Amino acid sequence: MEIETLQGDFSVCKVQDFSEVDFEKAFCFAARTDAEHSLVCHTADVPKNTTAREDGWHAFRVRGTLDFSLVGILSAISAHLAENGIGIFAVSTYDTDYIFTKTENFQKALDVLSKAGYAVL
């Protein structure tokens, strides 16, 4: 399985609403529940109506399109990282999984996955 690193710094945010979110940016993950409006985006793209934010994340994704019948991909990745004391924030899309680690743990995470047999690109 191939892991593709993504460029740039990311932030995880709570926003008042999505009115100031630019959904045309390359990476913009939004979720709305009965309790919150959440957003993950490049740090440079954090909107002004953010009410809380956690900066300092880097990201990689599982390369390619994952079939819905596949089981345990995210679980295996998170287990390898957890065994090495690396916390994650994960987002799944229709095609694949995106994994975020704090910037200070990012290279260690890639090294751990490489040693576990993942091709890191």
PDB file of N, CA and C in Angstrom:
ATOM      1  N   MET A   1       0.839  -1.175   0.000  1.00  0.00           N
ATOM      2  CA  MET A   1       0.000   0.000   0.000  1.00  0.00           C
ATOM      3  C   MET A   1       0.887   1.242   0.000  1.00  0.00           C
ATOM      4  N   GLU A   2       0.459   2.246  -0.737  1.00  0.00           N
ATOM      5  CA  GLU A   2       1.247   3.470  -0.866  1.00  0.00           C
ATOM      6  C   GLU A   2       0.662   4.607  -0.024  1.00  0.00           C
ATOM      7  N   ILE A   3       1.573   5.323   0.619  1.00  0.00           N
ATOM      8  CA  ILE A   3       1.240   6.493   1.426  1.00  0.00           C
ATOM      9  C   ILE A   3       1.803   7.718   0.707  1.00  0.00           C
ATOM     10  N   GLU A   4       0.960   8.690   0.443  1.00  0.00           N
ATOM     11  CA  GLU A   4       1.377   9.905  -0.256  1.00  0.00           C
ATOM     12  C   GLU A   4       1.353  11.091   0.707  1.00  0.00           C
ATOM     13  N   THR A   5       2.497  11.728   0.879  1.00  0.00           N
ATOM     14  CA  THR A   5       2.545  12.894   1.768  1.00  0.00           C
ATOM     15  C   THR A   5       1.929  14.104   1.077  1.00  0.00           C
ATOM     16  N   LEU A   6       1.327  14.966   1.867  1.00  0.00           N
ATOM     17  CA  LEU A   6       0.719  16.188   1.359  1.00  0.00           C
ATOM     18  C   LEU A   6       1.536  17.381   1.822  1.00  0.00           C
ATOM     19  N   GLN A   7       1.606  18.386   1.011  1.00  0.00           N
ATOM     20  CA  GLN A   7       2.393  19.580   1.317  1.00  0.00           C
ATOM     21  C   GLN A   7       1.585  20.554   2.169  1.00  0.00           C
ATOM     22  N   GLY A   8       2.277  21.272   3.037  1.00  0.00           N
ATOM     23  CA  GLY A   8       1.662  22.359   3.779  1.00  0.00           C
ATOM     24  C   GLY A   8       1.270  22.005   5.196  1.00  0.00           C
ATOM     25  N   ASP A   9       1.004  23.062   5.961  1.00  0.00           N
ATOM     26  CA  ASP A   9       0.543  22.943   7.335  1.00  0.00           C
ATOM     27  C   ASP A   9      -0.975  22.953   7.338  1.00  0.00           C
ATOM     28  N   PHE A  10      -1.559  22.149   8.227  1.00  0.00           N
ATOM     29  CA  PHE A  10      -3.010  22.053   8.329  1.00  0.00           C
ATOM     30  C   PHE A  10      -3.478  22.489   9.709  1.00  0.00           C
ATOM     31  N   SER A  11      -4.737  22.897   9.780  1.00  0.00           N
ATOM     32  CA  SER A  11      -5.388  23.261  11.035  1.00  0.00           C
ATOM     33  C   SER A  11      -6.722  22.539  11.133  1.00  0.00           C
ATOM     34  N   VAL A  12      -7.091  22.203  12.355  1.00  0.00           N
ATOM     35  CA  VAL A  12      -8.392  21.621  12.661  1.00  0.00           C
ATOM     36  C   VAL A  12      -9.162  22.704  13.413  1.00  0.00           C
ATOM     37  N   CYS A  13     -10.342  23.054  12.924  1.00  0.00           N
ATOM     38  CA  CYS A  13     -11.057  24.225  13.446  1.00  0.00           C
ATOM     39  C   CYS A  13     -12.523  23.936  13.746  1.00  0.00           C
ATOM     40  N   LYS A  14     -13.074  24.773  14.622  1.00  0.00           N
ATOM     41  CA  LYS A  14     -14.516  24.916  14.773  1.00  0.00           C
ATOM     42  C   LYS A  14     -14.851  26.297  14.217  1.00  0.00           C
ATOM     43  N   VAL A  15     -15.902  26.379  13.409  1.00  0.00           N
ATOM     44  CA  VAL A  15     -16.313  27.653  12.834  1.00  0.00           C
ATOM     45  C   VAL A  15     -17.770  27.939  13.205  1.00  0.00           C
ATOM     46  N   GLN A  16     -18.113  29.227  13.209  1.00  0.00           N
ATOM     47  CA  GLN A  16     -19.498  29.613  13.516  1.00  0.00           C
ATOM     48  C   GLN A  16     -20.458  29.018  12.494  1.00  0.00           C
ATOM     49  N   ASP A  17     -20.071  29.102  11.244  1.00  0.00           N
ATOM     50  CA  ASP A  17     -20.825  28.528  10.131  1.00  0.00           C
ATOM     51  C   ASP A  17     -19.855  28.415   8.955  1.00  0.00           C
ATOM     52  N   PHE A  18     -20.323  27.944   7.832  1.00  0.00           N
ATOM     53  CA  PHE A  18     -19.430  27.731   6.686  1.00  0.00           C
ATOM     54  C   PHE A  18     -19.427  28.901   5.693  1.00  0.00           C
ATOM     55  N   SER A  19     -19.984  30.037   6.074  1.00  0.00           N
ATOM     56  CA  SER A  19     -20.110  31.163   5.153  1.00  0.00           C
ATOM     57  C   SER A  19     -18.778  31.721   4.676  1.00  0.00           C
ATOM     58  N   GLU A  20     -17.715  31.573   5.462  1.00  0.00           N
ATOM     59  CA  GLU A  20     -16.408  32.111   5.075  1.00  0.00           C
ATOM     60  C   GLU A  20     -15.425  31.041   4.615  1.00  0.00           C
ATOM     61  N   VAL A  21     -15.901  29.826   4.436  1.00  0.00           N
ATOM     62  CA  VAL A  21     -15.040  28.723   3.999  1.00  0.00           C
ATOM     63  C   VAL A  21     -14.967  28.714   2.480  1.00  0.00           C
ATOM     64  N   ASP A  22     -13.753  28.656   1.950  1.00  0.00           N
ATOM     65  CA  ASP A  22     -13.559  28.578   0.501  1.00  0.00           C
ATOM     66  C   ASP A  22     -13.475  27.100   0.116  1.00  0.00           C
ATOM     67  N   PHE A  23     -14.591  26.567  -0.331  1.00  0.00           N
ATOM     68  CA  PHE A  23     -14.662  25.150  -0.681  1.00  0.00           C
ATOM     69  C   PHE A  23     -13.937  24.821  -1.983  1.00  0.00           C
ATOM     70  N   GLU A  24     -13.385  25.807  -2.654  1.00  0.00           N
ATOM     71  CA  GLU A  24     -12.631  25.575  -3.883  1.00  0.00           C
ATOM     72  C   GLU A  24     -11.149  25.335  -3.620  1.00  0.00           C
ATOM     73  N   LYS A  25     -10.703  25.473  -2.391  1.00  0.00           N
ATOM     74  CA  LYS A  25      -9.295  25.213  -2.049  1.00  0.00           C
ATOM     75  C   LYS A  25      -9.008  23.722  -2.216  1.00  0.00           C
ATOM     76  N   ALA A  26      -7.744  23.393  -2.403  1.00  0.00           N
ATOM     77  CA  ALA A  26      -7.349  22.011  -2.683  1.00  0.00           C
ATOM     78  C   ALA A  26      -7.754  21.044  -1.572  1.00  0.00           C
ATOM     79  N   PHE A  27      -7.627  21.466  -0.315  1.00  0.00           N
ATOM     80  CA  PHE A  27      -7.977  20.593   0.806  1.00  0.00           C
ATOM     81  C   PHE A  27      -8.905  21.341   1.745  1.00  0.00           C
ATOM     82  N   CYS A  28     -10.115  20.859   1.837  1.00  0.00           N
ATOM     83  CA  CYS A  28     -11.121  21.475   2.693  1.00  0.00           C
ATOM     84  C   CYS A  28     -12.078  20.364   3.126  1.00  0.00           C
ATOM     85  N   PHE A  29     -11.978  19.957   4.379  1.00  0.00           N
ATOM     86  CA  PHE A  29     -12.831  18.905   4.918  1.00  0.00           C
ATOM     87  C   PHE A  29     -13.782  19.557   5.916  1.00  0.00           C
ATOM     88  N   ALA A  30     -15.078  19.488   5.657  1.00  0.00           N
ATOM     89  CA  ALA A  30     -16.058  20.135   6.520  1.00  0.00           C
ATOM     90  C   ALA A  30     -17.064  19.109   7.024  1.00  0.00           C
ATOM     91  N   ALA A  31     -17.490  19.311   8.271  1.00  0.00           N
ATOM     92  CA  ALA A  31     -18.517  18.447   8.857  1.00  0.00           C
ATOM     93  C   ALA A  31     -19.440  19.292   9.724  1.00  0.00           C
ATOM     94  N   ARG A  32     -20.718  18.990   9.646  1.00  0.00           N
ATOM     95  CA  ARG A  32     -21.703  19.685  10.465  1.00  0.00           C
ATOM     96  C   ARG A  32     -22.491  18.643  11.242  1.00  0.00           C
ATOM     97  N   THR A  33     -22.604  18.865  12.539  1.00  0.00           N
ATOM     98  CA  THR A  33     -23.433  18.008  13.380  1.00  0.00           C
ATOM     99  C   THR A  33     -24.432  18.892  14.119  1.00  0.00           C
ATOM    100  N   ASP A  34     -25.216  18.305  14.982  1.00  0.00           N
ATOM    101  CA  ASP A  34     -26.149  19.099  15.773  1.00  0.00           C
ATOM    102  C   ASP A  34     -25.423  19.954  16.809  1.00  0.00           C
ATOM    103  N   ALA A  35     -24.127  19.677  17.031  1.00  0.00           N
ATOM    104  CA  ALA A  35     -23.373  20.385  18.066  1.00  0.00           C
ATOM    105  C   ALA A  35     -22.271  21.299  17.544  1.00  0.00           C
ATOM    106  N   GLU A  36     -21.858  21.131  16.284  1.00  0.00           N
ATOM    107  CA  GLU A  36     -20.713  21.921  15.826  1.00  0.00           C
ATOM    108  C   GLU A  36     -20.593  21.954  14.304  1.00  0.00           C
ATOM    109  N   HIS A  37     -19.779  22.897  13.852  1.00  0.00           N
ATOM    110  CA  HIS A  37     -19.319  22.988  12.462  1.00  0.00           C
ATOM    111  C   HIS A  37     -17.802  22.826  12.525  1.00  0.00           C
ATOM    112  N   SER A  38     -17.280  21.762  11.945  1.00  0.00           N
ATOM    113  CA  SER A  38     -15.842  21.500  11.982  1.00  0.00           C
ATOM    114  C   SER A  38     -15.239  21.657  10.598  1.00  0.00           C
ATOM    115  N   LEU A  39     -13.952  21.997  10.593  1.00  0.00           N
ATOM    116  CA  LEU A  39     -13.249  22.236   9.340  1.00  0.00           C
ATOM    117  C   LEU A  39     -11.793  21.813   9.501  1.00  0.00           C
ATOM    118  N   VAL A  40     -11.261  21.133   8.489  1.00  0.00           N
ATOM    119  CA  VAL A  40      -9.832  20.856   8.395  1.00  0.00           C
ATOM    120  C   VAL A  40      -9.380  21.457   7.072  1.00  0.00           C
ATOM    121  N   CYS A  41      -8.362  22.308   7.136  1.00  0.00           N
ATOM    122  CA  CYS A  41      -7.886  22.980   5.930  1.00  0.00           C
ATOM    123  C   CYS A  41      -6.435  23.404   6.124  1.00  0.00           C
ATOM    124  N   HIS A  42      -5.822  23.877   5.041  1.00  0.00           N
ATOM    125  CA  HIS A  42      -4.486  24.452   5.184  1.00  0.00           C
ATOM    126  C   HIS A  42      -4.568  25.620   6.170  1.00  0.00           C
ATOM    127  N   THR A  43      -3.553  25.766   6.962  1.00  0.00           N
ATOM    128  CA  THR A  43      -3.523  26.829   7.974  1.00  0.00           C
ATOM    129  C   THR A  43      -3.713  28.203   7.336  1.00  0.00           C
ATOM    130  N   ALA A  44      -3.146  28.412   6.173  1.00  0.00           N
ATOM    131  CA  ALA A  44      -3.283  29.701   5.487  1.00  0.00           C
ATOM    132  C   ALA A  44      -4.726  29.991   5.065  1.00  0.00           C
ATOM    133  N   ASP A  45      -5.583  28.952   5.037  1.00  0.00           N
ATOM    134  CA  ASP A  45      -6.959  29.109   4.577  1.00  0.00           C
ATOM    135  C   ASP A  45      -7.990  29.130   5.708  1.00  0.00           C
ATOM    136  N   VAL A  46      -7.539  29.174   6.961  1.00  0.00           N
ATOM    137  CA  VAL A  46      -8.475  29.201   8.089  1.00  0.00           C
ATOM    138  C   VAL A  46      -9.330  30.464   7.990  1.00  0.00           C
ATOM    139  N   PRO A  47     -10.665  30.324   8.043  1.00  0.00           N
ATOM    140  CA  PRO A  47     -11.528  31.500   7.915  1.00  0.00           C
ATOM    141  C   PRO A  47     -11.547  32.363   9.180  1.00  0.00           C
ATOM    142  N   LYS A  48     -11.994  33.595   9.018  1.00  0.00           N
ATOM    143  CA  LYS A  48     -12.018  34.548  10.126  1.00  0.00           C
ATOM    144  C   LYS A  48     -13.047  34.192  11.195  1.00  0.00           C
ATOM    145  N   ASN A  49     -14.101  33.466  10.839  1.00  0.00           N
ATOM    146  CA  ASN A  49     -15.136  33.162  11.816  1.00  0.00           C
ATOM    147  C   ASN A  49     -14.872  31.874  12.602  1.00  0.00           C
ATOM    148  N   THR A  50     -13.592  31.532  12.729  1.00  0.00           N
ATOM    149  CA  THR A  50     -13.189  30.365  13.515  1.00  0.00           C
ATOM    150  C   THR A  50     -13.345  30.676  15.000  1.00  0.00           C
ATOM    151  N   THR A  51     -13.940  29.749  15.741  1.00  0.00           N
ATOM    152  CA  THR A  51     -14.136  29.944  17.181  1.00  0.00           C
ATOM    153  C   THR A  51     -13.132  29.163  18.022  1.00  0.00           C
ATOM    154  N   ALA A  52     -12.518  28.135  17.429  1.00  0.00           N
ATOM    155  CA  ALA A  52     -11.466  27.354  18.094  1.00  0.00           C
ATOM    156  C   ALA A  52     -10.634  26.709  16.999  1.00  0.00           C
ATOM    157  N   ARG A  53      -9.337  26.533  17.278  1.00  0.00           N
ATOM    158  CA  ARG A  53      -8.478  25.919  16.263  1.00  0.00           C
ATOM    159  C   ARG A  53      -7.282  25.248  16.904  1.00  0.00           C
ATOM    160  N   GLU A  54      -6.800  24.231  16.226  1.00  0.00           N
ATOM    161  CA  GLU A  54      -5.598  23.510  16.611  1.00  0.00           C
ATOM    162  C   GLU A  54      -4.705  23.502  15.379  1.00  0.00           C
ATOM    163  N   ASP A  55      -3.626  24.267  15.431  1.00  0.00           N
ATOM    164  CA  ASP A  55      -2.680  24.347  14.321  1.00  0.00           C
ATOM    165  C   ASP A  55      -1.585  23.296  14.502  1.00  0.00           C
ATOM    166  N   GLY A  56      -0.734  23.192  13.487  1.00  0.00           N
ATOM    167  CA  GLY A  56       0.451  22.347  13.606  1.00  0.00           C
ATOM    168  C   GLY A  56       0.262  20.902  13.195  1.00  0.00           C
ATOM    169  N   TRP A  57      -0.520  20.666  12.167  1.00  0.00           N
ATOM    170  CA  TRP A  57      -0.730  19.313  11.656  1.00  0.00           C
ATOM    171  C   TRP A  57      -0.111  19.165  10.270  1.00  0.00           C
ATOM    172  N   HIS A  58       0.395  17.978   9.986  1.00  0.00           N
ATOM    173  CA  HIS A  58       0.838  17.596   8.646  1.00  0.00           C
ATOM    174  C   HIS A  58       0.038  16.360   8.238  1.00  0.00           C
ATOM    175  N   ALA A  59      -0.013  16.076   6.940  1.00  0.00           N
ATOM    176  CA  ALA A  59      -0.915  15.028   6.478  1.00  0.00           C
ATOM    177  C   ALA A  59      -0.315  14.131   5.417  1.00  0.00           C
ATOM    178  N   PHE A  60      -0.883  12.935   5.351  1.00  0.00           N
ATOM    179  CA  PHE A  60      -0.635  12.011   4.251  1.00  0.00           C
ATOM    180  C   PHE A  60      -1.945  11.295   3.961  1.00  0.00           C
ATOM    181  N   ARG A  61      -2.013  10.678   2.789  1.00  0.00           N
ATOM    182  CA  ARG A  61      -3.209   9.922   2.434  1.00  0.00           C
ATOM    183  C   ARG A  61      -2.819   8.561   1.885  1.00  0.00           C
ATOM    184  N   VAL A  62      -3.749   7.647   1.967  1.00  0.00           N
ATOM    185  CA  VAL A  62      -3.574   6.358   1.332  1.00  0.00           C
ATOM    186  C   VAL A  62      -3.787   6.612  -0.151  1.00  0.00           C
ATOM    187  N   ARG A  63      -2.791   6.284  -0.942  1.00  0.00           N
ATOM    188  CA  ARG A  63      -2.827   6.609  -2.367  1.00  0.00           C
ATOM    189  C   ARG A  63      -3.790   5.693  -3.113  1.00  0.00           C
ATOM    190  N   GLY A  64      -4.539   6.297  -4.006  1.00  0.00           N
ATOM    191  CA  GLY A  64      -5.471   5.540  -4.831  1.00  0.00           C
ATOM    192  C   GLY A  64      -6.876   5.573  -4.274  1.00  0.00           C
ATOM    193  N   THR A  65      -7.754   4.881  -4.973  1.00  0.00           N
ATOM    194  CA  THR A  65      -9.149   4.787  -4.559  1.00  0.00           C
ATOM    195  C   THR A  65      -9.357   3.465  -3.831  1.00  0.00           C
ATOM    196  N   LEU A  66      -9.884   3.567  -2.618  1.00  0.00           N
ATOM    197  CA  LEU A  66     -10.119   2.377  -1.803  1.00  0.00           C
ATOM    198  C   LEU A  66     -11.538   1.864  -2.024  1.00  0.00           C
ATOM    199  N   ASP A  67     -11.655   0.585  -2.273  1.00  0.00           N
ATOM    200  CA  ASP A  67     -12.953  -0.040  -2.433  1.00  0.00           C
ATOM    201  C   ASP A  67     -13.634  -0.139  -1.065  1.00  0.00           C
ATOM    202  N   PHE A  68     -14.929   0.060  -1.028  1.00  0.00           N
ATOM    203  CA  PHE A  68     -15.654   0.021   0.238  1.00  0.00           C
ATOM    204  C   PHE A  68     -15.625  -1.362   0.895  1.00  0.00           C
ATOM    205  N   SER A  69     -15.297  -2.399   0.144  1.00  0.00           N
ATOM    206  CA  SER A  69     -15.239  -3.739   0.734  1.00  0.00           C
ATOM    207  C   SER A  69     -13.942  -3.983   1.504  1.00  0.00           C
ATOM    208  N   LEU A  70     -12.951  -3.102   1.339  1.00  0.00           N
ATOM    209  CA  LEU A  70     -11.697  -3.258   2.060  1.00  0.00           C
ATOM    210  C   LEU A  70     -11.907  -2.961   3.545  1.00  0.00           C
ATOM    211  N   VAL A  71     -11.278  -3.770   4.384  1.00  0.00           N
ATOM    212  CA  VAL A  71     -11.475  -3.650   5.823  1.00  0.00           C
ATOM    213  C   VAL A  71     -10.126  -3.482   6.518  1.00  0.00           C
ATOM    214  N   GLY A  72     -10.053  -2.581   7.486  1.00  0.00           N
ATOM    215  CA  GLY A  72      -8.900  -2.498   8.364  1.00  0.00           C
ATOM    216  C   GLY A  72      -7.742  -1.638   7.915  1.00  0.00           C
ATOM    217  N   ILE A  73      -7.890  -0.886   6.845  1.00  0.00           N
ATOM    218  CA  ILE A  73      -6.775  -0.076   6.351  1.00  0.00           C
ATOM    219  C   ILE A  73      -6.415   1.012   7.351  1.00  0.00           C
ATOM    220  N   LEU A  74      -7.378   1.801   7.745  1.00  0.00           N
ATOM    221  CA  LEU A  74      -7.136   2.864   8.712  1.00  0.00           C
ATOM    222  C   LEU A  74      -6.757   2.286  10.076  1.00  0.00           C
ATOM    223  N   SER A  75      -7.372   1.193  10.429  1.00  0.00           N
ATOM    224  CA  SER A  75      -7.066   0.537  11.702  1.00  0.00           C
ATOM    225  C   SER A  75      -5.609   0.089  11.759  1.00  0.00           C
ATOM    226  N   ALA A  76      -5.103  -0.492  10.687  1.00  0.00           N
ATOM    227  CA  ALA A  76      -3.714  -0.953  10.651  1.00  0.00           C
ATOM    228  C   ALA A  76      -2.742   0.212  10.746  1.00  0.00           C
ATOM    229  N   ILE A  77      -3.017   1.266   9.997  1.00  0.00           N
ATOM    230  CA  ILE A  77      -2.137   2.441  10.031  1.00  0.00           C
ATOM    231  C   ILE A  77      -2.138   3.049  11.424  1.00  0.00           C
ATOM    232  N   SER A  78      -3.318   3.243  11.986  1.00  0.00           N
ATOM    233  CA  SER A  78      -3.392   3.873  13.308  1.00  0.00           C
ATOM    234  C   SER A  78      -2.760   2.987  14.378  1.00  0.00           C
ATOM    235  N   ALA A  79      -2.847   1.669  14.240  1.00  0.00           N
ATOM    236  CA  ALA A  79      -2.221   0.764  15.209  1.00  0.00           C
ATOM    237  C   ALA A  79      -0.702   0.894  15.179  1.00  0.00           C
ATOM    238  N   HIS A  80      -0.117   0.928  13.983  1.00  0.00           N
ATOM    239  CA  HIS A  80       1.341   1.102  13.878  1.00  0.00           C
ATOM    240  C   HIS A  80       1.778   2.411  14.536  1.00  0.00           C
ATOM    241  N   LEU A  81       1.027   3.468  14.284  1.00  0.00           N
ATOM    242  CA  LEU A  81       1.393   4.764  14.837  1.00  0.00           C
ATOM    243  C   LEU A  81       1.160   4.805  16.352  1.00  0.00           C
ATOM    244  N   ALA A  82       0.067   4.232  16.814  1.00  0.00           N
ATOM    245  CA  ALA A  82      -0.220   4.212  18.252  1.00  0.00           C
ATOM    246  C   ALA A  82       0.847   3.435  19.019  1.00  0.00           C
ATOM    247  N   GLU A  83       1.317   2.331  18.450  1.00  0.00           N
ATOM    248  CA  GLU A  83       2.372   1.540  19.091  1.00  0.00           C
ATOM    249  C   GLU A  83       3.656   2.343  19.264  1.00  0.00           C
ATOM    250  N   ASN A  84       3.793   3.406  18.501  1.00  0.00           N
ATOM    251  CA  ASN A  84       4.973   4.263  18.568  1.00  0.00           C
ATOM    252  C   ASN A  84       4.667   5.624  19.194  1.00  0.00           C
ATOM    253  N   GLY A  85       3.544   5.714  19.883  1.00  0.00           N
ATOM    254  CA  GLY A  85       3.197   6.921  20.614  1.00  0.00           C
ATOM    255  C   GLY A  85       2.805   8.109  19.751  1.00  0.00           C
ATOM    256  N   ILE A  86       2.299   7.855  18.539  1.00  0.00           N
ATOM    257  CA  ILE A  86       1.931   8.931  17.620  1.00  0.00           C
ATOM    258  C   ILE A  86       0.418   8.989  17.498  1.00  0.00           C
ATOM    259  N   GLY A  87      -0.159  10.098  17.947  1.00  0.00           N
ATOM    260  CA  GLY A  87      -1.588  10.307  17.819  1.00  0.00           C
ATOM    261  C   GLY A  87      -1.946  10.773  16.421  1.00  0.00           C
ATOM    262  N   ILE A  88      -3.173  10.507  16.023  1.00  0.00           N
ATOM    263  CA  ILE A  88      -3.623  10.910  14.685  1.00  0.00           C
ATOM    264  C   ILE A  88      -4.974  11.605  14.751  1.00  0.00           C
ATOM    265  N   PHE A  89      -5.280  12.297  13.677  1.00  0.00           N
ATOM    266  CA  PHE A  89      -6.608  12.824  13.381  1.00  0.00           C
ATOM    267  C   PHE A  89      -6.888  12.320  11.973  1.00  0.00           C
ATOM    268  N   ALA A  90      -7.962  11.570  11.788  1.00  0.00           N
ATOM    269  CA  ALA A  90      -8.237  10.955  10.485  1.00  0.00           C
ATOM    270  C   ALA A  90      -9.511  11.510   9.863  1.00  0.00           C
ATOM    271  N   VAL A  91      -9.487  11.622   8.546  1.00  0.00           N
ATOM    272  CA  VAL A  91     -10.654  12.016   7.768  1.00  0.00           C
ATOM    273  C   VAL A  91     -10.781  11.025   6.617  1.00  0.00           C
ATOM    274  N   SER A  92     -11.968  10.489   6.442  1.00  0.00           N
ATOM    275  CA  SER A  92     -12.211   9.589   5.321  1.00  0.00           C
ATOM    276  C   SER A  92     -13.102  10.275   4.310  1.00  0.00           C
ATOM    277  N   THR A  93     -12.773  10.084   3.040  1.00  0.00           N
ATOM    278  CA  THR A  93     -13.590  10.613   1.956  1.00  0.00           C
ATOM    279  C   THR A  93     -14.133   9.438   1.153  1.00  0.00           C
ATOM    280  N   TYR A  94     -14.856   9.732   0.111  1.00  0.00           N
ATOM    281  CA  TYR A  94     -15.398   8.671  -0.734  1.00  0.00           C
ATOM    282  C   TYR A  94     -14.281   7.787  -1.282  1.00  0.00           C
ATOM    283  N   ASP A  95     -13.165   8.397  -1.678  1.00  0.00           N
ATOM    284  CA  ASP A  95     -12.088   7.657  -2.325  1.00  0.00           C
ATOM    285  C   ASP A  95     -11.064   7.046  -1.379  1.00  0.00           C
ATOM    286  N   THR A  96     -10.687   7.762  -0.307  1.00  0.00           N
ATOM    287  CA  THR A  96      -9.538   7.306   0.469  1.00  0.00           C
ATOM    288  C   THR A  96      -9.556   7.861   1.892  1.00  0.00           C
ATOM    289  N   ASP A  97      -8.498   7.581   2.625  1.00  0.00           N
ATOM    290  CA  ASP A  97      -8.338   8.054   3.998  1.00  0.00           C
ATOM    291  C   ASP A  97      -7.182   9.046   4.070  1.00  0.00           C
ATOM    292  N   TYR A  98      -7.382  10.098   4.858  1.00  0.00           N
ATOM    293  CA  TYR A  98      -6.375  11.121   5.113  1.00  0.00           C
ATOM    294  C   TYR A  98      -6.014  11.034   6.584  1.00  0.00           C
ATOM    295  N   ILE A  99      -4.723  11.008   6.882  1.00  0.00           N
ATOM    296  CA  ILE A  99      -4.250  10.892   8.253  1.00  0.00           C
ATOM    297  C   ILE A  99      -3.390  12.104   8.571  1.00  0.00           C
ATOM    298  N   PHE A 100      -3.720  12.753   9.678  1.00  0.00           N
ATOM    299  CA  PHE A 100      -3.007  13.939  10.142  1.00  0.00           C
ATOM    300  C   PHE A 100      -2.272  13.594  11.430  1.00  0.00           C
ATOM    301  N   THR A 101      -1.022  14.032  11.528  1.00  0.00           N
ATOM    302  CA  THR A 101      -0.263  13.922  12.774  1.00  0.00           C
ATOM    303  C   THR A 101       0.269  15.312  13.103  1.00  0.00           C
ATOM    304  N   LYS A 102       0.586  15.514  14.356  1.00  0.00           N
ATOM    305  CA  LYS A 102       1.214  16.776  14.717  1.00  0.00           C
ATOM    306  C   LYS A 102       2.540  16.874  13.962  1.00  0.00           C
ATOM    307  N   THR A 103       2.908  18.081  13.592  1.00  0.00           N
ATOM    308  CA  THR A 103       4.093  18.322  12.776  1.00  0.00           C
ATOM    309  C   THR A 103       5.347  17.683  13.367  1.00  0.00           C
ATOM    310  N   GLU A 104       5.499  17.768  14.686  1.00  0.00           N
ATOM    311  CA  GLU A 104       6.705  17.225  15.326  1.00  0.00           C
ATOM    312  C   GLU A 104       6.776  15.700  15.253  1.00  0.00           C
ATOM    313  N   ASN A 105       5.663  15.035  14.945  1.00  0.00           N
ATOM    314  CA  ASN A 105       5.650  13.568  14.841  1.00  0.00           C
ATOM    315  C   ASN A 105       5.580  13.067  13.409  1.00  0.00           C
ATOM    316  N   PHE A 106       5.494  13.987  12.451  1.00  0.00           N
ATOM    317  CA  PHE A 106       5.217  13.589  11.073  1.00  0.00           C
ATOM    318  C   PHE A 106       6.306  12.699  10.481  1.00  0.00           C
ATOM    319  N   GLN A 107       7.557  13.094  10.566  1.00  0.00           N
ATOM    320  CA  GLN A 107       8.632  12.287   9.990  1.00  0.00           C
ATOM    321  C   GLN A 107       8.734  10.933  10.688  1.00  0.00           C
ATOM    322  N   LYS A 108       8.561  10.922  11.991  1.00  0.00           N
ATOM    323  CA  LYS A 108       8.574   9.657  12.734  1.00  0.00           C
ATOM    324  C   LYS A 108       7.443   8.750  12.235  1.00  0.00           C
ATOM    325  N   ALA A 109       6.273   9.319  11.987  1.00  0.00           N
ATOM    326  CA  ALA A 109       5.141   8.537  11.486  1.00  0.00           C
ATOM    327  C   ALA A 109       5.463   7.916  10.129  1.00  0.00           C
ATOM    328  N   LEU A 110       6.062   8.703   9.250  1.00  0.00           N
ATOM    329  CA  LEU A 110       6.430   8.174   7.932  1.00  0.00           C
ATOM    330  C   LEU A 110       7.474   7.075   8.055  1.00  0.00           C
ATOM    331  N   ASP A 111       8.440   7.251   8.960  1.00  0.00           N
ATOM    332  CA  ASP A 111       9.470   6.224   9.185  1.00  0.00           C
ATOM    333  C   ASP A 111       8.850   4.939   9.713  1.00  0.00           C
ATOM    334  N   VAL A 112       7.925   5.057  10.659  1.00  0.00           N
ATOM    335  CA  VAL A 112       7.246   3.889  11.225  1.00  0.00           C
ATOM    336  C   VAL A 112       6.496   3.135  10.136  1.00  0.00           C
ATOM    337  N   LEU A 113       5.762   3.859   9.312  1.00  0.00           N
ATOM    338  CA  LEU A 113       4.988   3.205   8.249  1.00  0.00           C
ATOM    339  C   LEU A 113       5.895   2.577   7.193  1.00  0.00           C
ATOM    340  N   SER A 114       6.983   3.240   6.888  1.00  0.00           N
ATOM    341  CA  SER A 114       7.936   2.675   5.935  1.00  0.00           C
ATOM    342  C   SER A 114       8.504   1.355   6.457  1.00  0.00           C
ATOM    343  N   LYS A 115       8.887   1.337   7.719  1.00  0.00           N
ATOM    344  CA  LYS A 115       9.421   0.113   8.331  1.00  0.00           C
ATOM    345  C   LYS A 115       8.363  -0.997   8.393  1.00  0.00           C
ATOM    346  N   ALA A 116       7.086  -0.600   8.427  1.00  0.00           N
ATOM    347  CA  ALA A 116       5.996  -1.579   8.474  1.00  0.00           C
ATOM    348  C   ALA A 116       5.632  -2.088   7.077  1.00  0.00           C
ATOM    349  N   GLY A 117       6.317  -1.602   6.042  1.00  0.00           N
ATOM    350  CA  GLY A 117       6.095  -2.105   4.702  1.00  0.00           C
ATOM    351  C   GLY A 117       5.286  -1.225   3.772  1.00  0.00           C
ATOM    352  N   TYR A 118       4.888  -0.057   4.239  1.00  0.00           N
ATOM    353  CA  TYR A 118       4.175   0.871   3.375  1.00  0.00           C
ATOM    354  C   TYR A 118       5.166   1.614   2.485  1.00  0.00           C
ATOM    355  N   ALA A 119       4.810   1.847   1.241  1.00  0.00           N
ATOM    356  CA  ALA A 119       5.644   2.647   0.334  1.00  0.00           C
ATOM    357  C   ALA A 119       5.281   4.113   0.567  1.00  0.00           C
ATOM    358  N   VAL A 120       6.224   4.879   1.093  1.00  0.00           N
ATOM    359  CA  VAL A 120       5.972   6.281   1.394  1.00  0.00           C
ATOM    360  C   VAL A 120       6.490   7.138   0.252  1.00  0.00           C
ATOM    361  N   LEU A 121       5.582   7.891  -0.352  1.00  0.00           N
ATOM    362  CA  LEU A 121       5.914   8.720  -1.516  1.00  0.00           C
ATOM    363  C   LEU A 121       5.939  10.184  -1.155  1.00  0.00           C
TER     364      LEU A 121
END
